[in-house]
């Protein structure tokens, strides 16, 4: 699995969690090495949600079983583990990644990305 696929996997999970728990905010980046991903979760009051914590643990176990040479660590704001290089943010005012079924992306309806019975439609972005 290449780096972009790992980051996309993390990003999609965080978007899913943000859509389910909109009070949460996430920063994702590298720790002291490029084999350790750190996700900072804010605010602490929401981070302690038991249902969210269960989903996070399941994701960590699944991610690390597929990416044996990489680690992912979720931390709360102010934790001793720090992100050295923020790669992306979810839930901050400058980035609100909400996925909707009829959303237009790159001037192309998402329905054009769907595999149809007799043909495949591809949309490419530069």
Protein backbone atom coordinates (compact mmCIF):
# COMPACT_ATOMS: atom_id res chain seq x y z
CA UNK A 1 0.00 0.00 0.00
CA UNK A 2 1.51 3.35 -0.97
CA UNK A 3 1.59 6.43 1.22
CA UNK A 4 -1.28 8.22 -0.52
CA UNK A 5 -3.53 5.21 0.00
CA UNK A 6 -2.71 5.16 3.72
CA UNK A 7 -3.40 8.87 4.03
CA UNK A 8 -6.66 8.50 2.10
CA UNK A 9 -7.70 5.64 4.36
CA UNK A 10 -7.07 7.83 7.41
CA UNK A 11 -8.77 10.83 5.79
CA UNK A 12 -11.90 8.84 4.89
CA UNK A 13 -12.16 7.48 8.44
CA UNK A 14 -11.80 10.97 9.91
CA UNK A 15 -14.39 12.40 7.52
CA UNK A 16 -16.77 9.61 8.54
CA UNK A 17 -16.16 10.40 12.21
CA UNK A 18 -16.55 14.13 11.62
CA UNK A 19 -19.87 13.58 9.87
CA UNK A 20 -21.06 11.43 12.79
CA UNK A 21 -19.54 13.66 15.52
CA UNK A 22 -19.44 17.21 14.06
CA UNK A 23 -18.05 18.73 17.27
CA UNK A 24 -14.77 16.85 16.72
CA UNK A 25 -11.81 18.35 14.87
CA UNK A 26 -8.83 16.39 13.57
CA UNK A 27 -5.28 17.18 12.52
CA UNK A 28 -3.29 14.42 10.85
CA UNK A 29 0.43 14.36 10.26
CA UNK A 30 3.68 12.60 10.94
CA UNK A 31 5.33 12.12 14.27
CA UNK A 32 9.11 12.01 14.56
CA UNK A 33 9.26 9.54 11.65
CA UNK A 34 7.38 9.10 8.39
CA UNK A 35 6.19 5.65 9.50
CA UNK A 36 4.13 7.03 12.39
CA UNK A 37 0.91 8.90 11.74
CA UNK A 38 -0.44 11.04 14.56
CA UNK A 39 -4.04 12.23 14.65
CA UNK A 40 -4.81 15.01 17.10
CA UNK A 41 -8.45 15.02 18.20
CA UNK A 42 -10.18 18.07 19.72
CA UNK A 43 -11.94 18.95 21.97
CA UNK A 44 -11.07 16.67 24.84
CA UNK A 45 -14.67 16.63 26.10
CA UNK A 46 -15.84 15.06 22.82
CA UNK A 47 -12.77 12.84 22.43
CA UNK A 48 -13.84 10.90 25.54
CA UNK A 49 -17.03 9.65 23.82
CA UNK A 50 -17.19 5.85 24.32
CA UNK A 51 -18.78 5.12 20.95
CA UNK A 52 -16.17 7.22 19.15
CA UNK A 53 -13.36 5.57 21.18
CA UNK A 54 -14.58 2.11 20.11
CA UNK A 55 -14.58 3.11 16.41
CA UNK A 56 -11.12 4.65 16.78
CA UNK A 57 -9.71 1.48 18.35
CA UNK A 58 -11.24 -0.68 15.61
CA UNK A 59 -9.76 1.59 12.94
CA UNK A 60 -6.30 1.53 14.57
CA UNK A 61 -6.27 -2.26 14.79
CA UNK A 62 -7.46 -2.64 11.20
CA UNK A 63 -5.03 -0.01 9.84
CA UNK A 64 -2.01 -1.45 11.63
CA UNK A 65 -2.83 -5.03 10.60
CA UNK A 66 -2.80 -3.95 6.92
CA UNK A 67 0.19 -1.61 7.30
CA UNK A 68 2.60 -3.59 9.49
CA UNK A 69 5.49 -1.15 9.02
CA UNK A 70 3.40 1.88 10.03
CA UNK A 71 1.76 3.05 13.23
CA UNK A 72 -1.15 5.36 13.86
CA UNK A 73 -1.61 7.15 17.16
CA UNK A 74 -4.64 9.20 18.18
CA UNK A 75 -3.93 11.86 20.80
CA UNK A 76 -5.91 14.58 22.51
CA UNK A 77 -5.02 18.24 22.31
CA UNK A 78 -2.06 19.06 24.53
CA UNK A 79 -0.78 15.46 24.55
CA UNK A 80 2.96 14.83 24.84
CA UNK A 81 2.99 13.22 21.36
CA UNK A 82 3.02 16.01 18.80
CA UNK A 83 2.51 16.21 15.08
CA UNK A 84 5.76 17.33 13.48
CA UNK A 85 4.22 18.06 10.07
CA UNK A 86 0.45 18.57 9.65
CA UNK A 87 -0.70 16.97 6.39
CA UNK A 88 -4.42 17.74 6.58
CA UNK A 89 -7.16 18.96 8.92
CA UNK A 90 -10.79 17.89 9.20
CA UNK A 91 -13.47 19.99 10.91
CA UNK A 92 -11.67 23.30 10.99
CA UNK A 93 -13.23 26.36 9.35
CA UNK A 94 -10.71 26.24 6.51
CA UNK A 95 -11.57 22.63 5.64
CA UNK A 96 -15.07 21.19 6.02
CA UNK A 97 -15.08 17.96 3.96
CA UNK A 98 -18.70 16.93 3.87
CA UNK A 99 -19.64 14.30 1.32
CA UNK A 100 -23.09 14.51 -0.17
CA UNK A 101 -24.63 12.24 -2.75
CA UNK A 102 -25.33 15.03 -5.26
CA UNK A 103 -22.19 17.08 -4.72
CA UNK A 104 -20.46 18.41 -7.82
CA UNK A 105 -16.73 17.75 -7.90
CA UNK A 106 -14.46 19.30 -10.53
CA UNK A 107 -17.59 20.32 -12.45
CA UNK A 108 -18.57 16.67 -12.78
CA UNK A 109 -21.47 15.07 -10.93
CA UNK A 110 -20.45 12.20 -8.68
CA UNK A 111 -22.87 10.00 -10.62
CA UNK A 112 -20.42 10.17 -13.55
CA UNK A 113 -17.86 8.34 -11.40
CA UNK A 114 -20.17 5.38 -10.90
CA UNK A 115 -19.65 2.23 -12.92
CA UNK A 116 -22.64 1.72 -15.16
CA UNK A 117 -23.87 -1.63 -16.38
CA UNK A 118 -22.53 -1.36 -19.95
CA UNK A 119 -19.74 1.18 -19.65
CA UNK A 120 -17.39 2.85 -17.24
CA UNK A 121 -17.24 6.61 -16.90
CA UNK A 122 -13.98 8.08 -15.67
CA UNK A 123 -13.42 11.60 -14.39
CA UNK A 124 -9.87 12.83 -13.99
CA UNK A 125 -8.64 15.88 -12.13
CA UNK A 126 -5.30 17.59 -12.50
